[in-house]
Amino acid sequence: MSIMLNVESINWFTIFKPHGVKAREYIETITEFILPGLLKKK
């Protein structure tokens, strides 16, 4: 799912011009939130 979200965000950034947000920063932030949840051991 995180890969799909990152790919989708790349599409979003190519279609729309975000105000004050860079695509790399957005992808890094999303990845930082998603990966720990996926890697969390029970």
PDB file of N, CA and C in Angstrom:
ATOM      1  N   MET A   1       0.821  -1.192   0.000  1.00  0.00           N
ATOM      2  CA  MET A   1       0.000   0.000   0.000  1.00  0.00           C
ATOM      3  C   MET A   1       0.865   1.255   0.000  1.00  0.00           C
ATOM      4  N   SER A   2       1.965   1.237   0.737  1.00  0.00           N
ATOM      5  CA  SER A   2       2.815   2.427   0.778  1.00  0.00           C
ATOM      6  C   SER A   2       3.402   2.723  -0.590  1.00  0.00           C
ATOM      7  N   ILE A   3       3.726   1.675  -1.341  1.00  0.00           N
ATOM      8  CA  ILE A   3       4.256   1.885  -2.687  1.00  0.00           C
ATOM      9  C   ILE A   3       3.183   2.510  -3.570  1.00  0.00           C
ATOM     10  N   MET A   4       1.960   2.021  -3.455  1.00  0.00           N
ATOM     11  CA  MET A   4       0.857   2.578  -4.239  1.00  0.00           C
ATOM     12  C   MET A   4       0.623   4.041  -3.887  1.00  0.00           C
ATOM     13  N   LEU A   5       0.702   4.366  -2.605  1.00  0.00           N
ATOM     14  CA  LEU A   5       0.492   5.739  -2.172  1.00  0.00           C
ATOM     15  C   LEU A   5       1.583   6.647  -2.709  1.00  0.00           C
ATOM     16  N   ASN A   6       2.827   6.182  -2.685  1.00  0.00           N
ATOM     17  CA  ASN A   6       3.918   6.991  -3.219  1.00  0.00           C
ATOM     18  C   ASN A   6       3.774   7.202  -4.721  1.00  0.00           C
ATOM     19  N   VAL A   7       3.384   6.179  -5.447  1.00  0.00           N
ATOM     20  CA  VAL A   7       3.181   6.318  -6.892  1.00  0.00           C
ATOM     21  C   VAL A   7       2.029   7.277  -7.168  1.00  0.00           C
ATOM     22  N   GLU A   8       0.965   7.158  -6.418  1.00  0.00           N
ATOM     23  CA  GLU A   8      -0.185   8.047  -6.590  1.00  0.00           C
ATOM     24  C   GLU A   8       0.198   9.491  -6.298  1.00  0.00           C
ATOM     25  N   SER A   9       1.024   9.707  -5.297  1.00  0.00           N
ATOM     26  CA  SER A   9       1.433  11.078  -4.976  1.00  0.00           C
ATOM     27  C   SER A   9       2.291  11.666  -6.087  1.00  0.00           C
ATOM     28  N   ILE A  10       3.094  10.847  -6.749  1.00  0.00           N
ATOM     29  CA  ILE A  10       3.876  11.333  -7.890  1.00  0.00           C
ATOM     30  C   ILE A  10       2.930  11.791  -8.997  1.00  0.00           C
ATOM     31  N   ASN A  11       1.885  11.025  -9.244  1.00  0.00           N
ATOM     32  CA  ASN A  11       0.882  11.435 -10.238  1.00  0.00           C
ATOM     33  C   ASN A  11       0.243  12.756  -9.855  1.00  0.00           C
ATOM     34  N   TRP A  12      -0.083  12.912  -8.597  1.00  0.00           N
ATOM     35  CA  TRP A  12      -0.718  14.136  -8.106  1.00  0.00           C
ATOM     36  C   TRP A  12       0.187  15.339  -8.336  1.00  0.00           C
ATOM     37  N   PHE A  13       1.477  15.173  -8.047  1.00  0.00           N
ATOM     38  CA  PHE A  13       2.407  16.280  -8.203  1.00  0.00           C
ATOM     39  C   PHE A  13       2.687  16.615  -9.663  1.00  0.00           C
ATOM     40  N   THR A  14       2.497  15.678 -10.574  1.00  0.00           N
ATOM     41  CA  THR A  14       2.695  15.993 -11.988  1.00  0.00           C
ATOM     42  C   THR A  14       1.472  16.674 -12.591  1.00  0.00           C
ATOM     43  N   ILE A  15       0.302  16.454 -12.018  1.00  0.00           N
ATOM     44  CA  ILE A  15      -0.921  17.062 -12.536  1.00  0.00           C
ATOM     45  C   ILE A  15      -1.148  18.446 -11.929  1.00  0.00           C
ATOM     46  N   PHE A  16      -0.973  18.560 -10.618  1.00  0.00           N
ATOM     47  CA  PHE A  16      -1.252  19.803  -9.908  1.00  0.00           C
ATOM     48  C   PHE A  16       0.050  20.432  -9.434  1.00  0.00           C
ATOM     49  N   LYS A  17       0.052  21.730  -9.318  1.00  0.00           N
ATOM     50  CA  LYS A  17       1.223  22.430  -8.791  1.00  0.00           C
ATOM     51  C   LYS A  17       0.949  22.749  -7.321  1.00  0.00           C
ATOM     52  N   PRO A  18       1.554  22.006  -6.411  1.00  0.00           N
ATOM     53  CA  PRO A  18       1.310  22.236  -4.990  1.00  0.00           C
ATOM     54  C   PRO A  18       1.932  23.554  -4.536  1.00  0.00           C
ATOM     55  N   HIS A  19       1.334  24.145  -3.551  1.00  0.00           N
ATOM     56  CA  HIS A  19       1.815  25.414  -3.023  1.00  0.00           C
ATOM     57  C   HIS A  19       2.732  25.171  -1.831  1.00  0.00           C
ATOM     58  N   GLY A  20       4.023  25.391  -2.031  1.00  0.00           N
ATOM     59  CA  GLY A  20       4.978  25.296  -0.938  1.00  0.00           C
ATOM     60  C   GLY A  20       5.356  23.882  -0.536  1.00  0.00           C
ATOM     61  N   VAL A  21       4.943  22.887  -1.281  1.00  0.00           N
ATOM     62  CA  VAL A  21       5.277  21.502  -0.949  1.00  0.00           C
ATOM     63  C   VAL A  21       6.011  20.893  -2.135  1.00  0.00           C
ATOM     64  N   LYS A  22       7.160  20.307  -1.850  1.00  0.00           N
ATOM     65  CA  LYS A  22       7.916  19.639  -2.906  1.00  0.00           C
ATOM     66  C   LYS A  22       7.574  18.159  -2.896  1.00  0.00           C
ATOM     67  N   ALA A  23       7.571  17.566  -4.067  1.00  0.00           N
ATOM     68  CA  ALA A  23       7.203  16.156  -4.190  1.00  0.00           C
ATOM     69  C   ALA A  23       8.102  15.273  -3.339  1.00  0.00           C
ATOM     70  N   ARG A  24       9.406  15.524  -3.345  1.00  0.00           N
ATOM     71  CA  ARG A  24      10.335  14.705  -2.562  1.00  0.00           C
ATOM     72  C   ARG A  24      10.019  14.788  -1.072  1.00  0.00           C
ATOM     73  N   GLU A  25       9.742  15.986  -0.567  1.00  0.00           N
ATOM     74  CA  GLU A  25       9.408  16.156   0.852  1.00  0.00           C
ATOM     75  C   GLU A  25       8.123  15.405   1.195  1.00  0.00           C
ATOM     76  N   TYR A  26       7.142  15.497   0.313  1.00  0.00           N
ATOM     77  CA  TYR A  26       5.865  14.825   0.548  1.00  0.00           C
ATOM     78  C   TYR A  26       6.050  13.310   0.609  1.00  0.00           C
ATOM     79  N   ILE A  27       6.779  12.764  -0.357  1.00  0.00           N
ATOM     80  CA  ILE A  27       6.993  11.320  -0.409  1.00  0.00           C
ATOM     81  C   ILE A  27       7.775  10.844   0.805  1.00  0.00           C
ATOM     82  N   GLU A  28       8.802  11.595   1.197  1.00  0.00           N
ATOM     83  CA  GLU A  28       9.588  11.215   2.376  1.00  0.00           C
ATOM     84  C   GLU A  28       8.731  11.236   3.636  1.00  0.00           C
ATOM     85  N   THR A  29       7.891  12.252   3.771  1.00  0.00           N
ATOM     86  CA  THR A  29       7.028  12.352   4.951  1.00  0.00           C
ATOM     87  C   THR A  29       6.041  11.195   5.007  1.00  0.00           C
ATOM     88  N   ILE A  30       5.382  10.910   3.895  1.00  0.00           N
ATOM     89  CA  ILE A  30       4.421   9.808   3.854  1.00  0.00           C
ATOM     90  C   ILE A  30       5.111   8.484   4.163  1.00  0.00           C
ATOM     91  N   THR A  31       6.290   8.283   3.589  1.00  0.00           N
ATOM     92  CA  THR A  31       7.039   7.047   3.810  1.00  0.00           C
ATOM     93  C   THR A  31       7.427   6.900   5.273  1.00  0.00           C
ATOM     94  N   GLU A  32       7.831   8.005   5.910  1.00  0.00           N
ATOM     95  CA  GLU A  32       8.199   7.968   7.329  1.00  0.00           C
ATOM     96  C   GLU A  32       7.021   7.546   8.203  1.00  0.00           C
ATOM     97  N   PHE A  33       5.815   7.893   7.813  1.00  0.00           N
ATOM     98  CA  PHE A  33       4.641   7.511   8.592  1.00  0.00           C
ATOM     99  C   PHE A  33       4.208   6.075   8.325  1.00  0.00           C
ATOM    100  N   ILE A  34       4.291   5.638   7.085  1.00  0.00           N
ATOM    101  CA  ILE A  34       3.766   4.329   6.709  1.00  0.00           C
ATOM    102  C   ILE A  34       4.716   3.187   7.055  1.00  0.00           C
ATOM    103  N   LEU A  35       5.996   3.329   6.752  1.00  0.00           N
ATOM    104  CA  LEU A  35       6.940   2.227   6.952  1.00  0.00           C
ATOM    105  C   LEU A  35       7.034   1.740   8.399  1.00  0.00           C
ATOM    106  N   PRO A  36       7.087   2.622   9.401  1.00  0.00           N
ATOM    107  CA  PRO A  36       7.133   2.102  10.775  1.00  0.00           C
ATOM    108  C   PRO A  36       5.927   1.230  11.121  1.00  0.00           C
ATOM    109  N   GLY A  37       4.768   1.567  10.593  1.00  0.00           N
ATOM    110  CA  GLY A  37       3.580   0.753  10.836  1.00  0.00           C
ATOM    111  C   GLY A  37       3.677  -0.614  10.188  1.00  0.00           C
ATOM    112  N   LEU A  38       4.300  -0.663   9.023  1.00  0.00           N
ATOM    113  CA  LEU A  38       4.463  -1.939   8.338  1.00  0.00           C
ATOM    114  C   LEU A  38       5.536  -2.799   8.988  1.00  0.00           C
ATOM    115  N   LEU A  39       6.545  -2.156   9.536  1.00  0.00           N
ATOM    116  CA  LEU A  39       7.672  -2.880  10.113  1.00  0.00           C
ATOM    117  C   LEU A  39       7.496  -3.179  11.599  1.00  0.00           C
ATOM    118  N   LYS A  40       6.440  -2.634  12.211  1.00  0.00           N
ATOM    119  CA  LYS A  40       6.199  -2.828  13.638  1.00  0.00           C
ATOM    120  C   LYS A  40       5.914  -4.297  13.932  1.00  0.00           C
ATOM    121  N   LYS A  41       6.648  -4.826  14.888  1.00  0.00           N
ATOM    122  CA  LYS A  41       6.455  -6.229  15.275  1.00  0.00           C
ATOM    123  C   LYS A  41       5.507  -6.297  16.457  1.00  0.00           C
ATOM    124  N   LYS A  42       4.711  -7.333  16.485  1.00  0.00           N
ATOM    125  CA  LYS A  42       3.740  -7.504  17.583  1.00  0.00           C
ATOM    126  C   LYS A  42       4.371  -8.211  18.745  1.00  0.00           C
TER     127      LYS A  42
END
